[in-house]
Every structure is written in structure tokens, then in C-alpha cells.
Amino acid sequence: MSNLNSILEDFQKQLKEIVQEFKEDLRKLRTGIATPALVEDIQIDYYGSKVTLKQIAAITCPEPRQILIQPWDKNSIEPIEKALTQADLGALPIVDGQNIRINLPPLTEEFRQKLVTQVSQKKEEFRQRIRRIRDEILREIQKMYEEKSISEDEKFQLKERVDEITKEFNKKLDEIEEVKKKEILEI
């Protein structure tokens, strides 16, 4: 039975990782309030190699709709500005001496609805990943049954438990989606 428990524990661990990835992915979507997550992973061409913005600058939000980027190397200001312009954030970066500011305009209703749709699409992608992992586990359980390493009762109990765990994690995705949608629609 310990082997069966490890299968279920591994399944839960994989689903927890998927939920965490979903949260991280949504952090990068713009809401009405600025957050460093909007820009921190933007790739910068820095001395011939690609680095993320958070590796070469401090990123803060001094005001609700402003992002302040303070590069540690003044020679990186131009490449940062170029990358931010190409990132299509809905606002252009402004070089302010040694700093770069991005003043995010208020979201239009049309853009908010577009973001809400993106959130739903992302959730569906993560649900599909959960389904694929669930299907792998169910095949593994079936194989164990066919090899006579588990009984028919154990097979049905395991399948039932896998379905419960799947529902639990899909519910978590739904909850995260609702919170993000509220953030986006909040004016």
C-alpha cells in the first residue's frame, strides 16, 4: 500500500506545482495596479547576453500605477528602455536620469474584458495539464491491476481518490481565476 500512497503523493505534488505555476503566470498579467511582476522577467540584451530585468535592476512601485526601475549599471539604461518598449506594456518607458519610469494608464473596459478572457484561457491550459497527468496516473493504476499487483477494489479506490484530488485542484484553479478576474475588473 505504501507504493500506492507514493503514487498519490507524487500526483498531488505535481498538481501543486501546476497550481503554483498558474499563480505565477497570472502575476504577470496587468491589473489596475502596477506590480514588479509585470516587468521583472523581461529579457534584456545586456553585454551580448540575455538576462532578466530583475537581474540587473531594482524594481519598485512607488505609486499604484507606476513602476520605477533603478538599473545598477547606468550603461544598461538604453538596453532596458529598448526591451521595455518592445514588451508592449501599454505604456512607454520614460528615462529619468539614472532611473526608468513606466506610468501605466488606467485600463479601458475593452482591455479589461480582453484580460479576463486571457485568464480563462490560461486556466483552461492548466486544466488540460492536470487532465494529462491524471490520465497518466489512471493508466499506471490500470497497468498495476493488469499485472495483478493491486486488487480490483484497490483499483477502484485509487481511481476514486485520483478523481477527488483532481476535483480539488481544479477547484483551486477556479478560485485563483476568480480572484484575478476581480482584480482586473476592479476600477
N, C-alpha and C. Protein backbone atom coordinates (compact mmCIF):
# COMPACT_ATOMS: atom_id res chain seq x y z
N MET A 1 0.82 -1.21 0.00
CA MET A 1 0.00 0.00 0.00
C MET A 1 0.86 1.26 0.00
N SER A 2 2.11 1.16 0.51
CA SER A 2 2.97 2.34 0.55
C SER A 2 3.30 2.82 -0.86
N ASN A 3 3.42 1.86 -1.80
CA ASN A 3 3.67 2.23 -3.19
C ASN A 3 2.48 3.02 -3.74
N LEU A 4 1.28 2.62 -3.35
CA LEU A 4 0.07 3.31 -3.80
C LEU A 4 0.02 4.72 -3.22
N ASN A 5 0.39 4.84 -1.94
CA ASN A 5 0.41 6.16 -1.31
C ASN A 5 1.43 7.07 -1.99
N SER A 6 2.57 6.49 -2.37
CA SER A 6 3.59 7.32 -3.03
C SER A 6 3.10 7.79 -4.40
N ILE A 7 2.30 6.96 -5.08
CA ILE A 7 1.73 7.36 -6.36
C ILE A 7 0.81 8.56 -6.16
N LEU A 8 -0.04 8.47 -5.15
CA LEU A 8 -0.97 9.57 -4.87
C LEU A 8 -0.23 10.83 -4.41
N GLU A 9 0.78 10.65 -3.58
CA GLU A 9 1.57 11.80 -3.10
C GLU A 9 2.28 12.48 -4.26
N ASP A 10 2.84 11.68 -5.16
CA ASP A 10 3.51 12.24 -6.33
C ASP A 10 2.51 12.99 -7.22
N PHE A 11 1.33 12.43 -7.37
CA PHE A 11 0.26 13.06 -8.15
C PHE A 11 -0.09 14.42 -7.54
N GLN A 12 -0.29 14.45 -6.23
CA GLN A 12 -0.63 15.70 -5.55
C GLN A 12 0.50 16.72 -5.69
N LYS A 13 1.73 16.26 -5.58
CA LYS A 13 2.88 17.16 -5.70
C LYS A 13 2.91 17.80 -7.09
N GLN A 14 2.67 17.00 -8.13
CA GLN A 14 2.66 17.53 -9.49
C GLN A 14 1.54 18.57 -9.67
N LEU A 15 0.38 18.29 -9.09
CA LEU A 15 -0.73 19.23 -9.23
C LEU A 15 -0.48 20.51 -8.44
N LYS A 16 0.18 20.41 -7.29
CA LYS A 16 0.53 21.61 -6.53
C LYS A 16 1.46 22.50 -7.35
N GLU A 17 2.40 21.87 -8.05
CA GLU A 17 3.32 22.63 -8.90
C GLU A 17 2.57 23.34 -10.02
N ILE A 18 1.59 22.67 -10.60
CA ILE A 18 0.79 23.28 -11.67
C ILE A 18 0.02 24.48 -11.14
N VAL A 19 -0.59 24.34 -9.97
CA VAL A 19 -1.34 25.45 -9.37
C VAL A 19 -0.41 26.62 -9.10
N GLN A 20 0.78 26.34 -8.58
CA GLN A 20 1.75 27.40 -8.31
C GLN A 20 2.17 28.10 -9.60
N GLU A 21 2.39 27.33 -10.66
CA GLU A 21 2.75 27.92 -11.96
C GLU A 21 1.62 28.82 -12.47
N PHE A 22 0.39 28.39 -12.26
CA PHE A 22 -0.77 29.18 -12.69
C PHE A 22 -0.78 30.53 -11.96
N LYS A 23 -0.54 30.49 -10.65
CA LYS A 23 -0.48 31.73 -9.87
C LYS A 23 0.62 32.66 -10.40
N GLU A 24 1.80 32.09 -10.64
CA GLU A 24 2.93 32.87 -11.14
C GLU A 24 2.62 33.46 -12.51
N ASP A 25 2.01 32.67 -13.36
CA ASP A 25 1.65 33.12 -14.70
C ASP A 25 0.69 34.30 -14.63
N LEU A 26 -0.28 34.23 -13.74
CA LEU A 26 -1.27 35.30 -13.62
C LEU A 26 -0.67 36.56 -13.01
N ARG A 27 0.37 36.42 -12.20
CA ARG A 27 1.01 37.60 -11.61
C ARG A 27 1.54 38.54 -12.68
N LYS A 28 1.86 37.96 -13.85
CA LYS A 28 2.45 38.75 -14.93
C LYS A 28 1.41 39.47 -15.76
N LEU A 29 0.13 39.18 -15.51
CA LEU A 29 -0.94 39.88 -16.24
C LEU A 29 -1.24 41.19 -15.53
N ARG A 30 -1.39 42.21 -16.31
CA ARG A 30 -1.63 43.54 -15.76
C ARG A 30 -3.04 43.67 -15.18
N THR A 31 -3.10 44.28 -14.03
CA THR A 31 -4.39 44.65 -13.43
C THR A 31 -4.39 46.17 -13.32
N GLY A 32 -5.28 46.72 -12.55
CA GLY A 32 -5.34 48.16 -12.40
C GLY A 32 -4.19 48.72 -11.58
N ILE A 33 -3.44 47.85 -10.93
CA ILE A 33 -2.35 48.29 -10.05
C ILE A 33 -1.02 47.76 -10.58
N ALA A 34 0.00 48.61 -10.56
CA ALA A 34 1.33 48.22 -11.03
C ALA A 34 1.95 47.21 -10.07
N THR A 35 2.73 46.33 -10.62
CA THR A 35 3.46 45.35 -9.82
C THR A 35 4.78 45.03 -10.53
N PRO A 36 5.86 44.80 -9.78
CA PRO A 36 7.14 44.46 -10.42
C PRO A 36 7.04 43.23 -11.32
N ALA A 37 6.10 42.32 -11.02
CA ALA A 37 5.97 41.10 -11.81
C ALA A 37 5.67 41.39 -13.29
N LEU A 38 5.12 42.56 -13.56
CA LEU A 38 4.81 42.91 -14.96
C LEU A 38 6.07 43.02 -15.82
N VAL A 39 7.18 43.39 -15.21
CA VAL A 39 8.39 43.65 -15.99
C VAL A 39 9.61 42.82 -15.57
N GLU A 40 9.59 42.20 -14.42
CA GLU A 40 10.81 41.60 -13.88
C GLU A 40 11.41 40.48 -14.74
N ASP A 41 10.60 39.79 -15.53
CA ASP A 41 11.13 38.70 -16.35
C ASP A 41 11.35 39.09 -17.81
N ILE A 42 11.23 40.36 -18.13
CA ILE A 42 11.51 40.83 -19.49
C ILE A 42 12.99 40.62 -19.79
N GLN A 43 13.26 40.05 -20.96
CA GLN A 43 14.64 39.75 -21.35
C GLN A 43 15.33 41.02 -21.88
N ILE A 44 16.52 41.28 -21.36
CA ILE A 44 17.32 42.44 -21.74
C ILE A 44 18.59 41.94 -22.42
N ASP A 45 18.95 42.55 -23.54
CA ASP A 45 20.21 42.22 -24.21
C ASP A 45 21.30 43.04 -23.51
N TYR A 46 22.04 42.39 -22.63
CA TYR A 46 22.99 43.07 -21.76
C TYR A 46 24.39 42.54 -22.02
N TYR A 47 25.23 43.36 -22.61
CA TYR A 47 26.60 42.99 -22.96
C TYR A 47 26.66 41.66 -23.72
N GLY A 48 25.77 41.52 -24.71
CA GLY A 48 25.80 40.35 -25.58
C GLY A 48 25.10 39.11 -25.06
N SER A 49 24.54 39.17 -23.86
CA SER A 49 23.80 38.00 -23.37
C SER A 49 22.41 38.45 -22.89
N LYS A 50 21.50 37.50 -22.83
CA LYS A 50 20.14 37.80 -22.40
C LYS A 50 20.03 37.58 -20.89
N VAL A 51 19.52 38.60 -20.21
CA VAL A 51 19.28 38.50 -18.77
C VAL A 51 17.89 39.06 -18.50
N THR A 52 17.33 38.68 -17.36
CA THR A 52 16.03 39.25 -17.00
C THR A 52 16.25 40.60 -16.32
N LEU A 53 15.26 41.44 -16.41
CA LEU A 53 15.37 42.78 -15.83
C LEU A 53 15.68 42.73 -14.33
N LYS A 54 15.07 41.78 -13.63
CA LYS A 54 15.30 41.71 -12.17
C LYS A 54 16.75 41.36 -11.83
N GLN A 55 17.52 40.85 -12.80
CA GLN A 55 18.92 40.53 -12.54
C GLN A 55 19.83 41.75 -12.61
N ILE A 56 19.34 42.83 -13.26
CA ILE A 56 20.23 43.98 -13.46
C ILE A 56 19.67 45.29 -12.92
N ALA A 57 18.52 45.21 -12.22
CA ALA A 57 17.92 46.45 -11.72
C ALA A 57 17.00 46.17 -10.54
N ALA A 58 16.83 47.22 -9.74
CA ALA A 58 15.84 47.16 -8.66
C ALA A 58 14.51 47.64 -9.26
N ILE A 59 13.44 46.94 -8.94
CA ILE A 59 12.12 47.28 -9.49
C ILE A 59 11.16 47.52 -8.33
N THR A 60 10.57 48.71 -8.30
CA THR A 60 9.61 49.05 -7.24
C THR A 60 8.39 49.72 -7.86
N CYS A 61 7.38 49.89 -7.04
CA CYS A 61 6.15 50.58 -7.48
C CYS A 61 5.84 51.67 -6.45
N PRO A 62 6.40 52.88 -6.63
CA PRO A 62 6.21 53.95 -5.66
C PRO A 62 4.77 54.49 -5.64
N GLU A 63 4.04 54.30 -6.72
CA GLU A 63 2.64 54.72 -6.81
C GLU A 63 1.83 53.57 -7.38
N PRO A 64 0.51 53.57 -7.17
CA PRO A 64 -0.31 52.44 -7.63
C PRO A 64 -0.22 52.11 -9.12
N ARG A 65 0.06 53.12 -9.97
CA ARG A 65 0.13 52.83 -11.40
C ARG A 65 1.49 53.21 -11.99
N GLN A 66 2.53 53.14 -11.17
CA GLN A 66 3.86 53.48 -11.65
C GLN A 66 4.86 52.41 -11.25
N ILE A 67 5.73 52.09 -12.22
CA ILE A 67 6.82 51.15 -11.96
C ILE A 67 8.12 51.95 -12.09
N LEU A 68 8.97 51.81 -11.09
CA LEU A 68 10.26 52.50 -11.08
C LEU A 68 11.36 51.45 -11.19
N ILE A 69 12.21 51.64 -12.20
CA ILE A 69 13.31 50.71 -12.44
C ILE A 69 14.61 51.46 -12.22
N GLN A 70 15.43 50.92 -11.32
CA GLN A 70 16.70 51.55 -10.98
C GLN A 70 17.83 50.60 -11.36
N PRO A 71 18.40 50.77 -12.58
CA PRO A 71 19.47 49.89 -13.02
C PRO A 71 20.71 50.05 -12.14
N TRP A 72 21.40 48.95 -11.91
CA TRP A 72 22.62 49.00 -11.10
C TRP A 72 23.79 49.50 -11.93
N ASP A 73 23.69 49.40 -13.25
CA ASP A 73 24.74 49.86 -14.15
C ASP A 73 24.12 50.88 -15.10
N LYS A 74 24.61 52.12 -15.07
CA LYS A 74 24.00 53.17 -15.90
C LYS A 74 24.10 52.86 -17.40
N ASN A 75 25.05 52.01 -17.79
CA ASN A 75 25.17 51.62 -19.20
C ASN A 75 24.04 50.70 -19.65
N SER A 76 23.28 50.20 -18.71
CA SER A 76 22.18 49.29 -19.08
C SER A 76 20.87 50.03 -19.32
N ILE A 77 20.84 51.34 -19.11
CA ILE A 77 19.60 52.10 -19.27
C ILE A 77 19.05 51.98 -20.69
N GLU A 78 19.89 52.16 -21.68
CA GLU A 78 19.42 52.11 -23.06
C GLU A 78 18.87 50.72 -23.45
N PRO A 79 19.60 49.63 -23.15
CA PRO A 79 19.03 48.30 -23.49
C PRO A 79 17.73 48.00 -22.73
N ILE A 80 17.63 48.47 -21.49
CA ILE A 80 16.40 48.27 -20.71
C ILE A 80 15.26 49.02 -21.36
N GLU A 81 15.51 50.27 -21.71
CA GLU A 81 14.46 51.09 -22.35
C GLU A 81 13.98 50.42 -23.64
N LYS A 82 14.92 49.92 -24.43
CA LYS A 82 14.57 49.27 -25.69
C LYS A 82 13.70 48.03 -25.44
N ALA A 83 14.10 47.20 -24.49
CA ALA A 83 13.34 45.98 -24.20
C ALA A 83 11.95 46.29 -23.66
N LEU A 84 11.85 47.33 -22.82
CA LEU A 84 10.54 47.71 -22.27
C LEU A 84 9.62 48.25 -23.36
N THR A 85 10.18 48.97 -24.30
CA THR A 85 9.39 49.50 -25.42
C THR A 85 8.86 48.34 -26.26
N GLN A 86 9.69 47.33 -26.49
CA GLN A 86 9.29 46.18 -27.29
C GLN A 86 8.31 45.26 -26.54
N ALA A 87 8.26 45.37 -25.22
CA ALA A 87 7.42 44.48 -24.41
C ALA A 87 5.93 44.79 -24.53
N ASP A 88 5.58 45.91 -25.09
CA ASP A 88 4.19 46.28 -25.31
C ASP A 88 3.38 46.20 -24.00
N LEU A 89 3.76 47.04 -23.06
CA LEU A 89 3.10 47.08 -21.76
C LEU A 89 1.88 47.99 -21.75
N GLY A 90 1.66 48.70 -22.83
CA GLY A 90 0.56 49.65 -22.87
C GLY A 90 1.00 51.03 -22.41
N ALA A 91 2.28 51.20 -22.15
CA ALA A 91 2.85 52.49 -21.73
C ALA A 91 4.33 52.49 -22.09
N LEU A 92 4.82 53.62 -22.51
CA LEU A 92 6.22 53.73 -22.88
C LEU A 92 7.09 54.07 -21.66
N PRO A 93 8.29 53.50 -21.61
CA PRO A 93 9.20 53.84 -20.51
C PRO A 93 9.73 55.26 -20.67
N ILE A 94 9.94 55.93 -19.54
CA ILE A 94 10.47 57.30 -19.53
C ILE A 94 11.78 57.27 -18.76
N VAL A 95 12.86 57.68 -19.44
CA VAL A 95 14.17 57.72 -18.78
C VAL A 95 14.22 59.02 -17.98
N ASP A 96 14.51 58.85 -16.69
CA ASP A 96 14.50 59.97 -15.75
C ASP A 96 15.86 59.97 -15.05
N GLY A 97 16.87 60.48 -15.72
CA GLY A 97 18.24 60.48 -15.16
C GLY A 97 18.78 59.06 -15.11
N GLN A 98 18.98 58.54 -13.90
CA GLN A 98 19.51 57.19 -13.70
C GLN A 98 18.41 56.14 -13.58
N ASN A 99 17.16 56.57 -13.64
CA ASN A 99 16.02 55.67 -13.45
C ASN A 99 15.15 55.62 -14.70
N ILE A 100 14.30 54.61 -14.73
CA ILE A 100 13.32 54.48 -15.80
C ILE A 100 11.96 54.33 -15.12
N ARG A 101 11.01 55.14 -15.57
CA ARG A 101 9.65 55.07 -15.01
C ARG A 101 8.68 54.60 -16.09
N ILE A 102 7.70 53.85 -15.65
CA ILE A 102 6.61 53.46 -16.53
C ILE A 102 5.32 53.87 -15.82
N ASN A 103 4.60 54.80 -16.41
CA ASN A 103 3.32 55.23 -15.85
C ASN A 103 2.21 54.50 -16.62
N LEU A 104 1.59 53.58 -15.94
CA LEU A 104 0.56 52.77 -16.58
C LEU A 104 -0.76 53.54 -16.64
N PRO A 105 -1.35 53.65 -17.81
CA PRO A 105 -2.64 54.34 -17.91
C PRO A 105 -3.74 53.46 -17.31
N PRO A 106 -4.87 54.06 -16.94
CA PRO A 106 -5.98 53.23 -16.45
C PRO A 106 -6.41 52.25 -17.54
N LEU A 107 -6.85 51.09 -17.13
CA LEU A 107 -7.29 50.09 -18.10
C LEU A 107 -8.66 50.48 -18.66
N THR A 108 -8.80 50.32 -19.97
CA THR A 108 -10.10 50.57 -20.58
C THR A 108 -10.99 49.34 -20.33
N GLU A 109 -12.28 49.52 -20.43
CA GLU A 109 -13.20 48.40 -20.23
C GLU A 109 -12.93 47.29 -21.25
N GLU A 110 -12.64 47.68 -22.47
CA GLU A 110 -12.37 46.71 -23.53
C GLU A 110 -11.12 45.88 -23.19
N PHE A 111 -10.07 46.56 -22.71
CA PHE A 111 -8.83 45.86 -22.36
C PHE A 111 -9.05 44.94 -21.14
N ARG A 112 -9.86 45.40 -20.19
CA ARG A 112 -10.18 44.57 -19.02
C ARG A 112 -10.85 43.27 -19.46
N GLN A 113 -11.80 43.37 -20.39
CA GLN A 113 -12.50 42.17 -20.86
C GLN A 113 -11.55 41.23 -21.60
N LYS A 114 -10.61 41.82 -22.33
CA LYS A 114 -9.61 41.02 -23.04
C LYS A 114 -8.75 40.25 -22.02
N LEU A 115 -8.36 40.92 -20.93
CA LEU A 115 -7.56 40.28 -19.89
C LEU A 115 -8.34 39.16 -19.20
N VAL A 116 -9.63 39.41 -18.95
CA VAL A 116 -10.47 38.39 -18.32
C VAL A 116 -10.52 37.14 -19.21
N THR A 117 -10.64 37.35 -20.50
CA THR A 117 -10.65 36.23 -21.44
C THR A 117 -9.32 35.49 -21.40
N GLN A 118 -8.21 36.23 -21.32
CA GLN A 118 -6.88 35.60 -21.25
C GLN A 118 -6.76 34.75 -19.99
N VAL A 119 -7.30 35.24 -18.88
CA VAL A 119 -7.23 34.49 -17.62
C VAL A 119 -7.97 33.16 -17.79
N SER A 120 -9.14 33.20 -18.40
CA SER A 120 -9.92 31.97 -18.61
C SER A 120 -9.18 31.00 -19.53
N GLN A 121 -8.55 31.53 -20.57
CA GLN A 121 -7.80 30.68 -21.49
C GLN A 121 -6.61 30.04 -20.79
N LYS A 122 -5.91 30.82 -19.97
CA LYS A 122 -4.77 30.27 -19.24
C LYS A 122 -5.23 29.17 -18.28
N LYS A 123 -6.35 29.41 -17.60
CA LYS A 123 -6.85 28.39 -16.67
C LYS A 123 -7.14 27.10 -17.43
N GLU A 124 -7.73 27.20 -18.61
CA GLU A 124 -8.04 26.01 -19.40
C GLU A 124 -6.77 25.26 -19.79
N GLU A 125 -5.70 25.99 -20.11
CA GLU A 125 -4.42 25.35 -20.43
C GLU A 125 -3.90 24.55 -19.22
N PHE A 126 -4.03 25.13 -18.05
CA PHE A 126 -3.55 24.45 -16.84
C PHE A 126 -4.45 23.27 -16.48
N ARG A 127 -5.75 23.39 -16.74
CA ARG A 127 -6.67 22.25 -16.54
C ARG A 127 -6.29 21.08 -17.44
N GLN A 128 -5.92 21.39 -18.68
CA GLN A 128 -5.51 20.34 -19.60
C GLN A 128 -4.26 19.63 -19.09
N ARG A 129 -3.35 20.38 -18.52
CA ARG A 129 -2.14 19.75 -17.95
C ARG A 129 -2.52 18.81 -16.81
N ILE A 130 -3.47 19.26 -15.98
CA ILE A 130 -3.93 18.41 -14.88
C ILE A 130 -4.56 17.14 -15.44
N ARG A 131 -5.38 17.28 -16.48
CA ARG A 131 -6.03 16.10 -17.08
C ARG A 131 -4.99 15.12 -17.64
N ARG A 132 -3.95 15.65 -18.28
CA ARG A 132 -2.91 14.76 -18.82
C ARG A 132 -2.23 13.96 -17.71
N ILE A 133 -1.91 14.63 -16.62
CA ILE A 133 -1.26 13.93 -15.50
C ILE A 133 -2.22 12.91 -14.89
N ARG A 134 -3.48 13.31 -14.74
CA ARG A 134 -4.49 12.38 -14.20
C ARG A 134 -4.58 11.14 -15.09
N ASP A 135 -4.62 11.35 -16.41
CA ASP A 135 -4.73 10.21 -17.33
C ASP A 135 -3.52 9.28 -17.22
N GLU A 136 -2.33 9.86 -17.04
CA GLU A 136 -1.13 9.03 -16.86
C GLU A 136 -1.25 8.17 -15.61
N ILE A 137 -1.70 8.78 -14.53
CA ILE A 137 -1.85 8.05 -13.26
C ILE A 137 -2.89 6.94 -13.42
N LEU A 138 -4.00 7.24 -14.08
CA LEU A 138 -5.04 6.22 -14.27
C LEU A 138 -4.52 5.05 -15.12
N ARG A 139 -3.71 5.35 -16.13
CA ARG A 139 -3.11 4.26 -16.93
C ARG A 139 -2.17 3.42 -16.07
N GLU A 140 -1.41 4.10 -15.21
CA GLU A 140 -0.49 3.38 -14.32
C GLU A 140 -1.27 2.46 -13.36
N ILE A 141 -2.37 2.96 -12.85
CA ILE A 141 -3.21 2.15 -11.95
C ILE A 141 -3.77 0.94 -12.70
N GLN A 142 -4.26 1.17 -13.92
CA GLN A 142 -4.79 0.07 -14.73
C GLN A 142 -3.72 -0.98 -15.00
N LYS A 143 -2.51 -0.51 -15.29
CA LYS A 143 -1.40 -1.43 -15.56
C LYS A 143 -1.10 -2.27 -14.31
N MET A 144 -1.11 -1.61 -13.15
CA MET A 144 -0.85 -2.34 -11.91
C MET A 144 -1.92 -3.41 -11.68
N TYR A 145 -3.16 -3.09 -12.02
CA TYR A 145 -4.24 -4.05 -11.86
C TYR A 145 -4.04 -5.24 -12.82
N GLU A 146 -3.70 -4.93 -14.06
CA GLU A 146 -3.50 -5.99 -15.06
C GLU A 146 -2.32 -6.88 -14.69
N GLU A 147 -1.32 -6.31 -14.02
CA GLU A 147 -0.16 -7.09 -13.58
C GLU A 147 -0.44 -7.81 -12.27
N LYS A 148 -1.65 -7.65 -11.77
CA LYS A 148 -2.09 -8.29 -10.51
C LYS A 148 -1.33 -7.81 -9.28
N SER A 149 -0.76 -6.59 -9.35
CA SER A 149 -0.08 -6.06 -8.16
C SER A 149 -1.05 -5.31 -7.25
N ILE A 150 -2.26 -5.04 -7.75
CA ILE A 150 -3.33 -4.49 -6.90
C ILE A 150 -4.64 -5.21 -7.23
N SER A 151 -5.52 -5.23 -6.24
CA SER A 151 -6.82 -5.89 -6.45
C SER A 151 -7.78 -4.96 -7.18
N GLU A 152 -8.91 -5.50 -7.58
CA GLU A 152 -9.92 -4.69 -8.27
C GLU A 152 -10.46 -3.62 -7.32
N ASP A 153 -10.66 -3.97 -6.06
CA ASP A 153 -11.13 -2.98 -5.07
C ASP A 153 -10.13 -1.83 -4.93
N GLU A 154 -8.84 -2.19 -4.84
CA GLU A 154 -7.81 -1.16 -4.72
C GLU A 154 -7.80 -0.26 -5.95
N LYS A 155 -7.98 -0.88 -7.10
CA LYS A 155 -8.01 -0.11 -8.34
C LYS A 155 -9.13 0.93 -8.29
N PHE A 156 -10.32 0.50 -7.90
CA PHE A 156 -11.44 1.44 -7.85
C PHE A 156 -11.25 2.50 -6.77
N GLN A 157 -10.69 2.11 -5.63
CA GLN A 157 -10.41 3.09 -4.57
C GLN A 157 -9.40 4.13 -5.05
N LEU A 158 -8.36 3.66 -5.71
CA LEU A 158 -7.34 4.58 -6.23
C LEU A 158 -7.93 5.52 -7.27
N LYS A 159 -8.70 4.98 -8.19
CA LYS A 159 -9.31 5.82 -9.22
C LYS A 159 -10.22 6.87 -8.59
N GLU A 160 -10.95 6.46 -7.60
CA GLU A 160 -11.84 7.38 -6.89
C GLU A 160 -11.03 8.49 -6.21
N ARG A 161 -9.95 8.10 -5.58
CA ARG A 161 -9.09 9.08 -4.89
C ARG A 161 -8.44 10.04 -5.90
N VAL A 162 -8.01 9.52 -7.04
CA VAL A 162 -7.42 10.36 -8.09
C VAL A 162 -8.45 11.39 -8.57
N ASP A 163 -9.70 10.95 -8.75
CA ASP A 163 -10.75 11.88 -9.17
C ASP A 163 -11.01 12.95 -8.12
N GLU A 164 -11.00 12.57 -6.84
CA GLU A 164 -11.19 13.56 -5.75
C GLU A 164 -10.06 14.60 -5.76
N ILE A 165 -8.84 14.13 -5.89
CA ILE A 165 -7.69 15.03 -5.90
C ILE A 165 -7.77 15.96 -7.11
N THR A 166 -8.15 15.41 -8.27
CA THR A 166 -8.27 16.22 -9.49
C THR A 166 -9.30 17.32 -9.29
N LYS A 167 -10.45 16.97 -8.73
CA LYS A 167 -11.50 17.96 -8.49
C LYS A 167 -11.01 19.05 -7.53
N GLU A 168 -10.31 18.63 -6.50
CA GLU A 168 -9.78 19.57 -5.50
C GLU A 168 -8.85 20.60 -6.16
N PHE A 169 -7.96 20.14 -7.02
CA PHE A 169 -7.01 21.06 -7.65
C PHE A 169 -7.66 21.89 -8.75
N ASN A 170 -8.63 21.34 -9.44
CA ASN A 170 -9.37 22.15 -10.42
C ASN A 170 -10.14 23.26 -9.72
N LYS A 171 -10.65 22.97 -8.52
CA LYS A 171 -11.35 23.98 -7.74
C LYS A 171 -10.38 25.11 -7.34
N LYS A 172 -9.15 24.74 -7.01
CA LYS A 172 -8.14 25.75 -6.67
C LYS A 172 -7.87 26.66 -7.87
N LEU A 173 -7.79 26.07 -9.07
CA LEU A 173 -7.60 26.88 -10.27
C LEU A 173 -8.77 27.86 -10.44
N ASP A 174 -9.99 27.36 -10.20
CA ASP A 174 -11.17 28.23 -10.31
C ASP A 174 -11.11 29.39 -9.34
N GLU A 175 -10.69 29.11 -8.10
CA GLU A 175 -10.61 30.15 -7.07
C GLU A 175 -9.57 31.21 -7.45
N ILE A 176 -8.42 30.77 -7.93
CA ILE A 176 -7.36 31.70 -8.34
C ILE A 176 -7.85 32.55 -9.50
N GLU A 177 -8.54 31.91 -10.44
CA GLU A 177 -9.08 32.63 -11.60
C GLU A 177 -10.05 33.73 -11.14
N GLU A 178 -10.94 33.40 -10.22
CA GLU A 178 -11.93 34.38 -9.76
C GLU A 178 -11.27 35.58 -9.09
N VAL A 179 -10.26 35.33 -8.27
CA VAL A 179 -9.55 36.42 -7.59
C VAL A 179 -8.90 37.33 -8.63
N LYS A 180 -8.27 36.74 -9.63
CA LYS A 180 -7.58 37.54 -10.65
C LYS A 180 -8.59 38.34 -11.48
N LYS A 181 -9.72 37.73 -11.80
CA LYS A 181 -10.75 38.45 -12.57
C LYS A 181 -11.26 39.65 -11.78
N LYS A 182 -11.46 39.47 -10.48
CA LYS A 182 -11.91 40.59 -9.64
C LYS A 182 -10.87 41.71 -9.64
N GLU A 183 -9.60 41.34 -9.54
CA GLU A 183 -8.51 42.34 -9.58
C GLU A 183 -8.56 43.13 -10.88
N ILE A 184 -8.75 42.43 -11.98
CA ILE A 184 -8.75 43.06 -13.30
C ILE A 184 -9.95 44.00 -13.45
N LEU A 185 -11.10 43.55 -13.00
CA LEU A 185 -12.32 44.33 -13.19
C LEU A 185 -12.49 45.46 -12.18
N GLU A 186 -11.67 45.42 -11.11
CA GLU A 186 -11.74 46.46 -10.08
C GLU A 186 -11.23 47.78 -10.65
N ILE A 187 -11.99 48.83 -10.47
CA ILE A 187 -11.60 50.14 -11.02
C ILE A 187 -10.99 51.01 -9.95
